[in-house]
Amino acid sequence: MVKKILTRFAVAKKPASNGDTVYRSPRIYLPTKLTDDSSFPFKEGDILSVKVNGRKVMIQRVQRAIGQRNGAGEPSKK
């Protein structure tokens, strides 16, 4: 069971299709050794809430409401 692992914060820069603008895409990499561990609490497709508390980042799974089967918080279309 992996309880602690070092990783890094990175910012990928992507040019827009018009070539004039560069978009920043901040990322926190979670190594496979951590995410493939059976005790890792999240699964692919989970909706997550991210909160910054001082120098800590807190991540929690959010329960989907009934009728919200599509993307993050989007109500299903009937």
Protein backbone atom coordinates (compact mmCIF):
# COMPACT_ATOMS: atom_id res chain seq x y z
CA MET A 1 0.00 0.00 0.00
CA VAL A 2 1.44 3.35 -1.10
CA LYS A 3 0.72 6.05 1.51
CA LYS A 4 3.04 8.80 0.27
CA ILE A 5 4.79 9.55 -3.01
CA LEU A 6 6.63 12.52 -4.51
CA THR A 7 5.34 14.14 -7.67
CA ARG A 8 5.48 17.50 -9.37
CA PHE A 9 3.27 20.35 -10.48
CA ALA A 10 3.74 21.18 -14.16
CA VAL A 11 2.25 23.66 -16.59
CA ALA A 12 1.91 22.56 -20.21
CA LYS A 13 1.67 25.36 -22.76
CA LYS A 14 -0.52 24.81 -25.82
CA PRO A 15 -0.80 27.22 -28.75
CA ALA A 16 -4.29 28.13 -29.93
CA SER A 17 -5.29 27.28 -33.49
CA ASN A 18 -4.84 30.93 -34.52
CA GLY A 19 -1.24 30.82 -33.29
CA ASP A 20 -1.54 34.15 -31.42
CA THR A 21 -2.56 32.81 -28.02
CA VAL A 22 -0.85 30.30 -25.74
CA TYR A 23 -3.04 28.46 -23.24
CA ARG A 24 -1.67 27.19 -19.93
CA SER A 25 -2.77 23.75 -18.76
CA PRO A 26 -1.70 23.20 -15.12
CA ARG A 27 -1.30 19.56 -14.05
CA ILE A 28 -0.46 17.55 -10.99
CA TYR A 29 0.88 14.17 -12.02
CA LEU A 30 -0.15 11.14 -10.00
CA PRO A 31 2.25 8.26 -10.63
CA THR A 32 0.77 4.93 -11.73
CA LYS A 33 2.38 3.28 -8.72
CA LEU A 34 -0.03 5.34 -6.59
CA THR A 35 -3.17 5.24 -8.75
CA ASP A 36 -2.96 1.49 -9.49
CA ASP A 37 -2.69 0.64 -5.79
CA SER A 38 -5.81 -1.18 -4.58
CA SER A 39 -6.22 1.34 -1.74
CA PHE A 40 -6.30 4.40 -4.08
CA PRO A 41 -9.71 5.98 -3.35
CA PHE A 42 -10.66 7.25 -6.84
CA LYS A 43 -11.71 5.52 -10.05
CA GLU A 44 -11.72 6.74 -13.64
CA GLY A 45 -14.76 8.94 -14.24
CA ASP A 46 -15.23 9.98 -10.60
CA ILE A 47 -16.33 13.58 -10.08
CA LEU A 48 -13.84 15.23 -7.72
CA SER A 49 -13.96 18.36 -5.59
CA VAL A 50 -10.61 20.16 -5.15
CA LYS A 51 -10.10 22.59 -2.28
CA VAL A 52 -6.99 24.58 -1.35
CA ASN A 53 -6.59 24.92 2.41
CA GLY A 54 -3.46 26.93 3.22
CA ARG A 55 -0.58 24.91 1.76
CA LYS A 56 -2.65 21.75 1.35
CA VAL A 57 -4.74 20.54 -1.58
CA MET A 58 -7.71 18.45 -0.50
CA ILE A 59 -9.45 16.18 -3.04
CA GLN A 60 -12.74 14.41 -2.36
CA ARG A 61 -15.13 12.36 -4.46
CA VAL A 62 -18.48 14.07 -5.04
CA GLN A 63 -21.64 12.00 -5.13
CA ARG A 64 -23.55 12.41 -8.37
CA ALA A 65 -27.14 13.49 -7.91
CA ILE A 66 -29.85 11.23 -9.33
CA GLY A 67 -30.35 12.17 -12.96
CA GLN A 68 -26.78 13.40 -13.43
CA ARG A 69 -25.26 10.63 -15.50
CA ASN A 70 -23.41 12.78 -18.02
CA GLY A 71 -20.26 14.84 -17.45
CA ALA A 72 -19.37 16.84 -14.36
CA GLY A 73 -22.63 18.08 -12.97
CA GLU A 74 -24.46 18.16 -16.28
CA PRO A 75 -28.08 17.01 -15.95
CA SER A 76 -29.09 14.12 -18.17
CA LYS A 77 -31.21 14.90 -21.22
CA LYS A 78 -34.58 13.14 -21.37
